[in-house]
Structures are given as C-alpha cells and as structure tokens.
C-alpha cells in the first residue's frame, strides 16, 4: 500500500521522501551496539527500538525544516506494533508535535 501511495504521489508531481523502520534501524545495529543490545529470536532489543524512535522524531523535525514546501511528502513506514517508531505516535511537548497528523486534526 505504501509503495502504491508513493507511486501515485510521484505521478502527481510530489517529491516523495521515505522514513522506513528497516532502513533507519540499520544505523543503530553496529557490532558494538548489537553486542550490548542483541536481537533475540528476531526481535530488536528495546534499547535499539527506543533509540531509533527518538532519532526518528528528531529526523522528522529536521526533514520539515529542509523540505517544508507542499510539493514534498514524507511517507513513514511506521510499524508501531512492538514499539517500533512508537515515538512518532506519542504526544509530546516538543517542536515535532504540531507536525503530527493527529495533532493537526485536533487543532
């Protein structure tokens, strides 16, 4: 579904940017970190999930500052189940909060 959404957005002239769990977590899966916070039975350690989520929230804010024009579209593959990128869905008192779709719907 996300792939089709990105293709349609591109076809109508939007510049598509992606935030994907599997890509983002890769930067946190260094040998040193995995030795301290290993993946067990295919499940990413909670510390790495949290670090990726906090990074992603800040990354969304940086993306908005760099690409805030309407022609740009950020699509997030955010598998919230299992606390993967859950920080993007949580309400917080920070500069990212007004950017969240849920926050926009409430204002």
PDB file of N, CA and C in Angstrom:
ATOM      1  N   UNK A   1       0.806  -1.169   0.000  1.00  0.00           N
ATOM      2  CA  UNK A   1       0.000   0.000   0.000  1.00  0.00           C
ATOM      3  C   UNK A   1       0.869   1.261   0.000  1.00  0.00           C
ATOM      4  N   UNK A   2       1.906   1.256   0.830  1.00  0.00           N
ATOM      5  CA  UNK A   2       2.799   2.417   0.864  1.00  0.00           C
ATOM      6  C   UNK A   2       3.510   2.613  -0.466  1.00  0.00           C
ATOM      7  N   UNK A   3       3.879   1.511  -1.084  1.00  0.00           N
ATOM      8  CA  UNK A   3       4.543   1.606  -2.378  1.00  0.00           C
ATOM      9  C   UNK A   3       3.622   2.267  -3.403  1.00  0.00           C
ATOM     10  N   UNK A   4       2.373   1.854  -3.436  1.00  0.00           N
ATOM     11  CA  UNK A   4       1.420   2.439  -4.371  1.00  0.00           C
ATOM     12  C   UNK A   4       1.153   3.908  -4.051  1.00  0.00           C
ATOM     13  N   UNK A   5       1.054   4.237  -2.781  1.00  0.00           N
ATOM     14  CA  UNK A   5       0.875   5.626  -2.357  1.00  0.00           C
ATOM     15  C   UNK A   5       2.038   6.481  -2.852  1.00  0.00           C
ATOM     16  N   UNK A   6       3.255   5.972  -2.695  1.00  0.00           N
ATOM     17  CA  UNK A   6       4.440   6.705  -3.159  1.00  0.00           C
ATOM     18  C   UNK A   6       4.428   6.872  -4.675  1.00  0.00           C
ATOM     19  N   UNK A   7       4.048   5.825  -5.391  1.00  0.00           N
ATOM     20  CA  UNK A   7       3.988   5.914  -6.856  1.00  0.00           C
ATOM     21  C   UNK A   7       2.955   6.939  -7.313  1.00  0.00           C
ATOM     22  N   UNK A   8       1.786   6.924  -6.709  1.00  0.00           N
ATOM     23  CA  UNK A   8       0.742   7.885  -7.070  1.00  0.00           C
ATOM     24  C   UNK A   8       1.194   9.309  -6.742  1.00  0.00           C
ATOM     25  N   UNK A   9       1.773   9.502  -5.578  1.00  0.00           N
ATOM     26  CA  UNK A   9       2.254  10.830  -5.192  1.00  0.00           C
ATOM     27  C   UNK A   9       3.304  11.329  -6.178  1.00  0.00           C
ATOM     28  N   UNK A  10       4.194  10.465  -6.586  1.00  0.00           N
ATOM     29  CA  UNK A  10       5.226  10.819  -7.555  1.00  0.00           C
ATOM     30  C   UNK A  10       4.598  11.184  -8.902  1.00  0.00           C
ATOM     31  N   UNK A  11       3.600  10.416  -9.322  1.00  0.00           N
ATOM     32  CA  UNK A  11       2.936  10.675 -10.603  1.00  0.00           C
ATOM     33  C   UNK A  11       2.242  12.031 -10.643  1.00  0.00           C
ATOM     34  N   UNK A  12       1.777  12.512  -9.493  1.00  0.00           N
ATOM     35  CA  UNK A  12       1.104  13.815  -9.487  1.00  0.00           C
ATOM     36  C   UNK A  12       2.056  14.957  -9.138  1.00  0.00           C
ATOM     37  N   UNK A  13       3.356  14.642  -9.156  1.00  0.00           N
ATOM     38  CA  UNK A  13       4.357  15.685  -9.013  1.00  0.00           C
ATOM     39  C   UNK A  13       4.905  15.933  -7.629  1.00  0.00           C
ATOM     40  N   UNK A  14       4.556  15.095  -6.679  1.00  0.00           N
ATOM     41  CA  UNK A  14       5.100  15.266  -5.330  1.00  0.00           C
ATOM     42  C   UNK A  14       6.503  14.666  -5.284  1.00  0.00           C
ATOM     43  N   UNK A  15       7.358  15.262  -4.482  1.00  0.00           N
ATOM     44  CA  UNK A  15       8.689  14.725  -4.237  1.00  0.00           C
ATOM     45  C   UNK A  15       8.564  13.854  -2.990  1.00  0.00           C
ATOM     46  N   UNK A  16       8.744  12.556  -3.171  1.00  0.00           N
ATOM     47  CA  UNK A  16       8.498  11.603  -2.099  1.00  0.00           C
ATOM     48  C   UNK A  16       9.794  11.312  -1.335  1.00  0.00           C
ATOM     49  N   UNK A  17       9.679  11.371  -0.016  1.00  0.00           N
ATOM     50  CA  UNK A  17      10.770  11.007   0.898  1.00  0.00           C
ATOM     51  C   UNK A  17      10.222   9.887   1.787  1.00  0.00           C
ATOM     52  N   UNK A  18      11.062   8.923   2.108  1.00  0.00           N
ATOM     53  CA  UNK A  18      10.609   7.775   2.890  1.00  0.00           C
ATOM     54  C   UNK A  18      11.330   7.690   4.232  1.00  0.00           C
ATOM     55  N   UNK A  19      10.603   7.342   5.248  1.00  0.00           N
ATOM     56  CA  UNK A  19      11.155   7.002   6.556  1.00  0.00           C
ATOM     57  C   UNK A  19      10.714   5.573   6.822  1.00  0.00           C
ATOM     58  N   UNK A  20      11.665   4.653   6.794  1.00  0.00           N
ATOM     59  CA  UNK A  20      11.352   3.232   6.920  1.00  0.00           C
ATOM     60  C   UNK A  20      12.077   2.624   8.107  1.00  0.00           C
ATOM     61  N   UNK A  21      11.342   1.861   8.889  1.00  0.00           N
ATOM     62  CA  UNK A  21      11.888   1.215  10.070  1.00  0.00           C
ATOM     63  C   UNK A  21      13.142   0.406   9.741  1.00  0.00           C
ATOM     64  N   UNK A  22      13.045  -0.478   8.750  1.00  0.00           N
ATOM     65  CA  UNK A  22      14.175  -1.363   8.442  1.00  0.00           C
ATOM     66  C   UNK A  22      15.411  -0.609   8.008  1.00  0.00           C
ATOM     67  N   UNK A  23      15.234   0.508   7.330  1.00  0.00           N
ATOM     68  CA  UNK A  23      16.381   1.309   6.893  1.00  0.00           C
ATOM     69  C   UNK A  23      16.940   2.103   8.070  1.00  0.00           C
ATOM     70  N   UNK A  24      16.069   2.747   8.830  1.00  0.00           N
ATOM     71  CA  UNK A  24      16.509   3.605   9.937  1.00  0.00           C
ATOM     72  C   UNK A  24      17.239   2.818  11.021  1.00  0.00           C
ATOM     73  N   UNK A  25      16.749   1.642  11.329  1.00  0.00           N
ATOM     74  CA  UNK A  25      17.368   0.890  12.425  1.00  0.00           C
ATOM     75  C   UNK A  25      18.775   0.410  12.075  1.00  0.00           C
ATOM     76  N   UNK A  26      19.067   0.280  10.776  1.00  0.00           N
ATOM     77  CA  UNK A  26      20.378  -0.211  10.358  1.00  0.00           C
ATOM     78  C   UNK A  26      21.538   0.585  10.923  1.00  0.00           C
ATOM     79  N   UNK A  27      21.373   1.883  11.053  1.00  0.00           N
ATOM     80  CA  UNK A  27      22.446   2.728  11.594  1.00  0.00           C
ATOM     81  C   UNK A  27      22.701   2.431  13.074  1.00  0.00           C
ATOM     82  N   UNK A  28      21.743   1.829  13.741  1.00  0.00           N
ATOM     83  CA  UNK A  28      21.874   1.524  15.165  1.00  0.00           C
ATOM     84  C   UNK A  28      22.309   0.081  15.409  1.00  0.00           C
ATOM     85  N   UNK A  29      22.437  -0.693  14.367  1.00  0.00           N
ATOM     86  CA  UNK A  29      22.798  -2.096  14.514  1.00  0.00           C
ATOM     87  C   UNK A  29      24.267  -2.327  14.185  1.00  0.00           C
ATOM     88  N   UNK A  30      25.109  -1.597  14.874  1.00  0.00           N
ATOM     89  CA  UNK A  30      26.552  -1.760  14.721  1.00  0.00           C
ATOM     90  C   UNK A  30      26.997  -2.955  15.565  1.00  0.00           C
ATOM     91  N   UNK A  31      28.131  -3.560  15.256  1.00  0.00           N
ATOM     92  CA  UNK A  31      28.587  -4.699  16.061  1.00  0.00           C
ATOM     93  C   UNK A  31      28.693  -4.364  17.550  1.00  0.00           C
ATOM     94  N   UNK A  32      29.164  -3.154  17.868  1.00  0.00           N
ATOM     95  CA  UNK A  32      29.306  -2.755  19.271  1.00  0.00           C
ATOM     96  C   UNK A  32      27.950  -2.685  19.967  1.00  0.00           C
ATOM     97  N   UNK A  33      26.981  -2.041  19.319  1.00  0.00           N
ATOM     98  CA  UNK A  33      25.653  -1.931  19.928  1.00  0.00           C
ATOM     99  C   UNK A  33      24.939  -3.275  19.991  1.00  0.00           C
ATOM    100  N   UNK A  34      25.081  -4.077  18.952  1.00  0.00           N
ATOM    101  CA  UNK A  34      24.431  -5.391  18.965  1.00  0.00           C
ATOM    102  C   UNK A  34      25.041  -6.316  20.014  1.00  0.00           C
ATOM    103  N   UNK A  35      26.307  -6.122  20.344  1.00  0.00           N
ATOM    104  CA  UNK A  35      26.920  -6.920  21.408  1.00  0.00           C
ATOM    105  C   UNK A  35      26.290  -6.565  22.760  1.00  0.00           C
ATOM    106  N   UNK A  36      25.962  -5.291  22.951  1.00  0.00           N
ATOM    107  CA  UNK A  36      25.347  -4.834  24.209  1.00  0.00           C
ATOM    108  C   UNK A  36      23.834  -5.041  24.224  1.00  0.00           C
ATOM    109  N   UNK A  37      23.199  -4.886  23.050  1.00  0.00           N
ATOM    110  CA  UNK A  37      21.738  -4.964  22.934  1.00  0.00           C
ATOM    111  C   UNK A  37      21.381  -5.921  21.797  1.00  0.00           C
ATOM    112  N   UNK A  38      21.563  -7.220  22.021  1.00  0.00           N
ATOM    113  CA  UNK A  38      21.390  -8.189  20.929  1.00  0.00           C
ATOM    114  C   UNK A  38      19.934  -8.388  20.515  1.00  0.00           C
ATOM    115  N   UNK A  39      19.770  -8.752  19.266  1.00  0.00           N
ATOM    116  CA  UNK A  39      18.479  -9.184  18.752  1.00  0.00           C
ATOM    117  C   UNK A  39      18.283 -10.622  19.214  1.00  0.00           C
ATOM    118  N   UNK A  40      17.124 -10.921  19.755  1.00  0.00           N
ATOM    119  CA  UNK A  40      16.846 -12.270  20.251  1.00  0.00           C
ATOM    120  C   UNK A  40      15.591 -12.786  19.569  1.00  0.00           C
ATOM    121  N   UNK A  41      15.714 -13.939  18.944  1.00  0.00           N
ATOM    122  CA  UNK A  41      14.580 -14.561  18.237  1.00  0.00           C
ATOM    123  C   UNK A  41      13.954 -13.621  17.218  1.00  0.00           C
ATOM    124  N   UNK A  42      14.795 -12.842  16.543  1.00  0.00           N
ATOM    125  CA  UNK A  42      14.313 -11.934  15.510  1.00  0.00           C
ATOM    126  C   UNK A  42      13.683 -10.654  16.027  1.00  0.00           C
ATOM    127  N   UNK A  43      13.799 -10.395  17.324  1.00  0.00           N
ATOM    128  CA  UNK A  43      13.193  -9.203  17.927  1.00  0.00           C
ATOM    129  C   UNK A  43      14.293  -8.209  18.286  1.00  0.00           C
ATOM    130  N   UNK A  44      14.166  -7.015  17.744  1.00  0.00           N
ATOM    131  CA  UNK A  44      15.129  -5.952  18.029  1.00  0.00           C
ATOM    132  C   UNK A  44      15.046  -5.576  19.505  1.00  0.00           C
ATOM    133  N   UNK A  45      16.194  -5.424  20.131  1.00  0.00           N
ATOM    134  CA  UNK A  45      16.262  -5.075  21.554  1.00  0.00           C
ATOM    135  C   UNK A  45      15.525  -3.762  21.813  1.00  0.00           C
ATOM    136  N   UNK A  46      14.873  -3.680  22.967  1.00  0.00           N
ATOM    137  CA  UNK A  46      14.079  -2.498  23.332  1.00  0.00           C
ATOM    138  C   UNK A  46      14.915  -1.213  23.317  1.00  0.00           C
ATOM    139  N   UNK A  47      16.180  -1.298  23.710  1.00  0.00           N
ATOM    140  CA  UNK A  47      17.026  -0.094  23.729  1.00  0.00           C
ATOM    141  C   UNK A  47      17.254   0.429  22.316  1.00  0.00           C
ATOM    142  N   UNK A  48      17.431  -0.456  21.368  1.00  0.00           N
ATOM    143  CA  UNK A  48      17.623  -0.029  19.978  1.00  0.00           C
ATOM    144  C   UNK A  48      16.310   0.504  19.419  1.00  0.00           C
ATOM    145  N   UNK A  49      15.199  -0.146  19.727  1.00  0.00           N
ATOM    146  CA  UNK A  49      13.899   0.370  19.272  1.00  0.00           C
ATOM    147  C   UNK A  49      13.668   1.780  19.795  1.00  0.00           C
ATOM    148  N   UNK A  50      13.994   2.017  21.050  1.00  0.00           N
ATOM    149  CA  UNK A  50      13.817   3.341  21.649  1.00  0.00           C
ATOM    150  C   UNK A  50      14.741   4.357  20.991  1.00  0.00           C
ATOM    151  N   UNK A  51      15.989   3.992  20.797  1.00  0.00           N
ATOM    152  CA  UNK A  51      16.953   4.922  20.174  1.00  0.00           C
ATOM    153  C   UNK A  51      16.523   5.298  18.765  1.00  0.00           C
ATOM    154  N   UNK A  52      16.073   4.334  17.996  1.00  0.00           N
ATOM    155  CA  UNK A  52      15.615   4.612  16.627  1.00  0.00           C
ATOM    156  C   UNK A  52      14.391   5.528  16.668  1.00  0.00           C
ATOM    157  N   UNK A  53      13.477   5.278  17.588  1.00  0.00           N
ATOM    158  CA  UNK A  53      12.279   6.102  17.699  1.00  0.00           C
ATOM    159  C   UNK A  53      12.585   7.537  18.067  1.00  0.00           C
ATOM    160  N   UNK A  54      13.486   7.741  19.011  1.00  0.00           N
ATOM    161  CA  UNK A  54      13.871   9.104  19.396  1.00  0.00           C
ATOM    162  C   UNK A  54      14.585   9.805  18.247  1.00  0.00           C
ATOM    163  N   UNK A  55      15.460   9.079  17.563  1.00  0.00           N
ATOM    164  CA  UNK A  55      16.130   9.651  16.398  1.00  0.00           C
ATOM    165  C   UNK A  55      15.108  10.039  15.332  1.00  0.00           C
ATOM    166  N   UNK A  56      14.139   9.159  15.077  1.00  0.00           N
ATOM    167  CA  UNK A  56      13.148   9.399  14.022  1.00  0.00           C
ATOM    168  C   UNK A  56      12.318  10.640  14.319  1.00  0.00           C
ATOM    169  N   UNK A  57      11.950  10.843  15.561  1.00  0.00           N
ATOM    170  CA  UNK A  57      11.165  12.032  15.908  1.00  0.00           C
ATOM    171  C   UNK A  57      11.955  13.292  15.591  1.00  0.00           C
ATOM    172  N   UNK A  58      13.204  13.318  15.954  1.00  0.00           N
ATOM    173  CA  UNK A  58      14.069  14.459  15.638  1.00  0.00           C
ATOM    174  C   UNK A  58      14.286  14.568  14.131  1.00  0.00           C
ATOM    175  N   UNK A  59      14.410  13.437  13.451  1.00  0.00           N
ATOM    176  CA  UNK A  59      14.621  13.444  12.000  1.00  0.00           C
ATOM    177  C   UNK A  59      13.419  14.027  11.266  1.00  0.00           C
ATOM    178  N   UNK A  60      12.222  13.773  11.758  1.00  0.00           N
ATOM    179  CA  UNK A  60      11.023  14.344  11.143  1.00  0.00           C
ATOM    180  C   UNK A  60      11.065  15.866  11.252  1.00  0.00           C
ATOM    181  N   UNK A  61      11.470  16.364  12.396  1.00  0.00           N
ATOM    182  CA  UNK A  61      11.580  17.817  12.587  1.00  0.00           C
ATOM    183  C   UNK A  61      12.621  18.400  11.631  1.00  0.00           C
ATOM    184  N   UNK A  62      13.776  17.756  11.504  1.00  0.00           N
ATOM    185  CA  UNK A  62      14.809  18.239  10.575  1.00  0.00           C
ATOM    186  C   UNK A  62      14.319  18.173   9.129  1.00  0.00           C
ATOM    187  N   UNK A  63      13.586  17.109   8.783  1.00  0.00           N
ATOM    188  CA  UNK A  63      13.044  16.977   7.430  1.00  0.00           C
ATOM    189  C   UNK A  63      12.087  18.129   7.138  1.00  0.00           C
ATOM    190  N   UNK A  64      11.208  18.448   8.055  1.00  0.00           N
ATOM    191  CA  UNK A  64      10.244  19.533   7.873  1.00  0.00           C
ATOM    192  C   UNK A  64      10.957  20.855   7.628  1.00  0.00           C
ATOM    193  N   UNK A  65      12.030  21.090   8.346  1.00  0.00           N
ATOM    194  CA  UNK A  65      12.795  22.331   8.172  1.00  0.00           C
ATOM    195  C   UNK A  65      13.458  22.377   6.790  1.00  0.00           C
ATOM    196  N   UNK A  66      13.879  21.247   6.290  1.00  0.00           N
ATOM    197  CA  UNK A  66      14.575  21.205   5.000  1.00  0.00           C
ATOM    198  C   UNK A  66      13.628  21.069   3.810  1.00  0.00           C
ATOM    199  N   UNK A  67      12.451  20.490   4.036  1.00  0.00           N
ATOM    200  CA  UNK A  67      11.552  20.161   2.913  1.00  0.00           C
ATOM    201  C   UNK A  67      10.108  20.546   3.206  1.00  0.00           C
ATOM    202  N   UNK A  68       9.875  21.648   3.832  1.00  0.00           N
ATOM    203  CA  UNK A  68       8.535  22.024   4.263  1.00  0.00           C
ATOM    204  C   UNK A  68       7.577  22.453   3.165  1.00  0.00           C
ATOM    205  N   UNK A  69       8.067  22.632   1.936  1.00  0.00           N
ATOM    206  CA  UNK A  69       7.160  23.044   0.860  1.00  0.00           C
ATOM    207  C   UNK A  69       6.159  21.923   0.561  1.00  0.00           C
ATOM    208  N   UNK A  70       4.971  22.341   0.102  1.00  0.00           N
ATOM    209  CA  UNK A  70       3.878  21.388  -0.126  1.00  0.00           C
ATOM    210  C   UNK A  70       4.211  20.321  -1.163  1.00  0.00           C
ATOM    211  N   UNK A  71       5.151  20.587  -2.065  1.00  0.00           N
ATOM    212  CA  UNK A  71       5.468  19.587  -3.095  1.00  0.00           C
ATOM    213  C   UNK A  71       6.201  18.382  -2.524  1.00  0.00           C
ATOM    214  N   UNK A  72       6.757  18.515  -1.324  1.00  0.00           N
ATOM    215  CA  UNK A  72       7.463  17.410  -0.670  1.00  0.00           C
ATOM    216  C   UNK A  72       6.498  16.630   0.211  1.00  0.00           C
ATOM    217  N   UNK A  73       6.655  15.314   0.220  1.00  0.00           N
ATOM    218  CA  UNK A  73       5.796  14.438   1.005  1.00  0.00           C
ATOM    219  C   UNK A  73       6.665  13.410   1.720  1.00  0.00           C
ATOM    220  N   UNK A  74       6.529  13.351   3.020  1.00  0.00           N
ATOM    221  CA  UNK A  74       7.238  12.341   3.811  1.00  0.00           C
ATOM    222  C   UNK A  74       6.270  11.208   4.102  1.00  0.00           C
ATOM    223  N   UNK A  75       6.638  10.022   3.657  1.00  0.00           N
ATOM    224  CA  UNK A  75       5.844   8.821   3.913  1.00  0.00           C
ATOM    225  C   UNK A  75       6.617   7.974   4.913  1.00  0.00           C
ATOM    226  N   UNK A  76       5.961   7.638   6.006  1.00  0.00           N
ATOM    227  CA  UNK A  76       6.610   6.835   7.030  1.00  0.00           C
ATOM    228  C   UNK A  76       6.054   5.428   7.073  1.00  0.00           C
ATOM    229  N   UNK A  77       6.939   4.474   6.989  1.00  0.00           N
ATOM    230  CA  UNK A  77       6.583   3.077   7.237  1.00  0.00           C
ATOM    231  C   UNK A  77       6.854   2.859   8.715  1.00  0.00           C
ATOM    232  N   UNK A  78       5.807   3.021   9.501  1.00  0.00           N
ATOM    233  CA  UNK A  78       5.967   3.054  10.952  1.00  0.00           C
ATOM    234  C   UNK A  78       5.202   1.904  11.605  1.00  0.00           C
ATOM    235  N   UNK A  79       5.833   0.748  11.700  1.00  0.00           N
ATOM    236  CA  UNK A  79       5.171  -0.413  12.295  1.00  0.00           C
ATOM    237  C   UNK A  79       5.120  -0.275  13.820  1.00  0.00           C
ATOM    238  N   UNK A  80       4.107   0.407  14.317  1.00  0.00           N
ATOM    239  CA  UNK A  80       4.021   0.747  15.729  1.00  0.00           C
ATOM    240  C   UNK A  80       3.920  -0.474  16.637  1.00  0.00           C
ATOM    241  N   UNK A  81       3.394  -1.566  16.106  1.00  0.00           N
ATOM    242  CA  UNK A  81       3.292  -2.788  16.910  1.00  0.00           C
ATOM    243  C   UNK A  81       4.700  -3.222  17.293  1.00  0.00           C
ATOM    244  N   UNK A  82       4.881  -3.535  18.555  1.00  0.00           N
ATOM    245  CA  UNK A  82       6.204  -3.907  19.034  1.00  0.00           C
ATOM    246  C   UNK A  82       7.046  -2.702  19.393  1.00  0.00           C
ATOM    247  N   UNK A  83       6.410  -1.536  19.506  1.00  0.00           N
ATOM    248  CA  UNK A  83       7.099  -0.296  19.879  1.00  0.00           C
ATOM    249  C   UNK A  83       8.173   0.109  18.886  1.00  0.00           C
ATOM    250  N   UNK A  84       7.925  -0.151  17.622  1.00  0.00           N
ATOM    251  CA  UNK A  84       8.845   0.292  16.583  1.00  0.00           C
ATOM    252  C   UNK A  84       8.363   1.650  16.085  1.00  0.00           C
ATOM    253  N   UNK A  85       9.159   2.677  16.320  1.00  0.00           N
ATOM    254  CA  UNK A  85       8.854   4.063  15.949  1.00  0.00           C
ATOM    255  C   UNK A  85       7.611   4.589  16.656  1.00  0.00           C
ATOM    256  N   UNK A  86       7.283   4.029  17.797  1.00  0.00           N
ATOM    257  CA  UNK A  86       6.116   4.455  18.566  1.00  0.00           C
ATOM    258  C   UNK A  86       6.228   5.922  18.978  1.00  0.00           C
ATOM    259  N   UNK A  87       7.444   6.423  19.090  1.00  0.00           N
ATOM    260  CA  UNK A  87       7.657   7.824  19.485  1.00  0.00           C
ATOM    261  C   UNK A  87       7.014   8.800  18.506  1.00  0.00           C
ATOM    262  N   UNK A  88       6.827   8.371  17.262  1.00  0.00           N
ATOM    263  CA  UNK A  88       6.179   9.238  16.278  1.00  0.00           C
ATOM    264  C   UNK A  88       4.683   9.368  16.545  1.00  0.00           C
ATOM    265  N   UNK A  89       4.095   8.409  17.235  1.00  0.00           N
ATOM    266  CA  UNK A  89       2.657   8.425  17.506  1.00  0.00           C
ATOM    267  C   UNK A  89       2.325   9.004  18.878  1.00  0.00           C
ATOM    268  N   UNK A  90       3.328   9.154  19.721  1.00  0.00           N
ATOM    269  CA  UNK A  90       3.082   9.625  21.078  1.00  0.00           C
ATOM    270  C   UNK A  90       3.027  11.149  21.135  1.00  0.00           C
ATOM    271  N   UNK A  91       2.107  11.650  21.919  1.00  0.00           N
ATOM    272  CA  UNK A  91       2.002  13.094  22.134  1.00  0.00           C
ATOM    273  C   UNK A  91       3.136  13.540  23.053  1.00  0.00           C
ATOM    274  N   UNK A  92       3.832  14.583  22.631  1.00  0.00           N
ATOM    275  CA  UNK A  92       4.939  15.138  23.425  1.00  0.00           C
ATOM    276  C   UNK A  92       4.926  16.642  23.283  1.00  0.00           C
ATOM    277  N   UNK A  93       5.445  17.304  24.256  1.00  0.00           N
ATOM    278  CA  UNK A  93       5.566  18.761  24.205  1.00  0.00           C
ATOM    279  C   UNK A  93       6.913  19.099  23.580  1.00  0.00           C
ATOM    280  N   UNK A  94       6.969  19.044  22.252  1.00  0.00           N
ATOM    281  CA  UNK A  94       8.194  19.377  21.544  1.00  0.00           C
ATOM    282  C   UNK A  94       7.858  20.013  20.207  1.00  0.00           C
ATOM    283  N   UNK A  95       8.869  20.364  19.444  1.00  0.00           N
ATOM    284  CA  UNK A  95       8.658  21.040  18.166  1.00  0.00           C
ATOM    285  C   UNK A  95       8.046  20.128  17.101  1.00  0.00           C
ATOM    286  N   UNK A  96       8.069  18.830  17.322  1.00  0.00           N
ATOM    287  CA  UNK A  96       7.515  17.884  16.357  1.00  0.00           C
ATOM    288  C   UNK A  96       5.995  17.755  16.508  1.00  0.00           C
ATOM    289  N   UNK A  97       5.491  17.978  17.687  1.00  0.00           N
ATOM    290  CA  UNK A  97       4.071  17.737  17.967  1.00  0.00           C
ATOM    291  C   UNK A  97       3.130  18.388  16.955  1.00  0.00           C
ATOM    292  N   UNK A  98       3.321  19.656  16.571  1.00  0.00           N
ATOM    293  CA  UNK A  98       2.399  20.258  15.603  1.00  0.00           C
ATOM    294  C   UNK A  98       2.466  19.624  14.208  1.00  0.00           C
ATOM    295  N   UNK A  99       3.501  18.861  13.924  1.00  0.00           N
ATOM    296  CA  UNK A  99       3.659  18.240  12.611  1.00  0.00           C
ATOM    297  C   UNK A  99       2.905  16.919  12.496  1.00  0.00           C
ATOM    298  N   UNK A 100       2.576  16.331  13.623  1.00  0.00           N
ATOM    299  CA  UNK A 100       1.909  15.020  13.597  1.00  0.00           C
ATOM    300  C   UNK A 100       0.498  15.158  13.057  1.00  0.00           C
ATOM    301  N   UNK A 101       0.071  14.240  12.167  1.00  0.00           N
ATOM    302  CA  UNK A 101      -1.303  14.315  11.630  1.00  0.00           C
ATOM    303  C   UNK A 101      -2.365  14.333  12.720  1.00  0.00           C
ATOM    304  N   UNK A 102      -2.195  13.544  13.768  1.00  0.00           N
ATOM    305  CA  UNK A 102      -3.184  13.519  14.849  1.00  0.00           C
ATOM    306  C   UNK A 102      -3.268  14.874  15.531  1.00  0.00           C
ATOM    307  N   UNK A 103      -2.134  15.537  15.703  1.00  0.00           N
ATOM    308  CA  UNK A 103      -2.129  16.855  16.333  1.00  0.00           C
ATOM    309  C   UNK A 103      -2.800  17.873  15.429  1.00  0.00           C
ATOM    310  N   UNK A 104      -2.579  17.754  14.126  1.00  0.00           N
ATOM    311  CA  UNK A 104      -3.208  18.679  13.163  1.00  0.00           C
ATOM    312  C   UNK A 104      -4.716  18.506  13.160  1.00  0.00           C
ATOM    313  N   UNK A 105      -5.196  17.282  13.283  1.00  0.00           N
ATOM    314  CA  UNK A 105      -6.640  17.013  13.262  1.00  0.00           C
ATOM    315  C   UNK A 105      -7.337  17.596  14.489  1.00  0.00           C
ATOM    316  N   UNK A 106      -6.606  17.698  15.590  1.00  0.00           N
ATOM    317  CA  UNK A 106      -7.182  18.206  16.828  1.00  0.00           C
ATOM    318  C   UNK A 106      -7.145  19.714  16.926  1.00  0.00           C
ATOM    319  N   UNK A 107      -6.412  20.385  16.058  1.00  0.00           N
ATOM    320  CA  UNK A 107      -6.297  21.838  16.188  1.00  0.00           C
ATOM    321  C   UNK A 107      -7.302  22.579  15.344  1.00  0.00           C
TER     322      UNK A 107
END
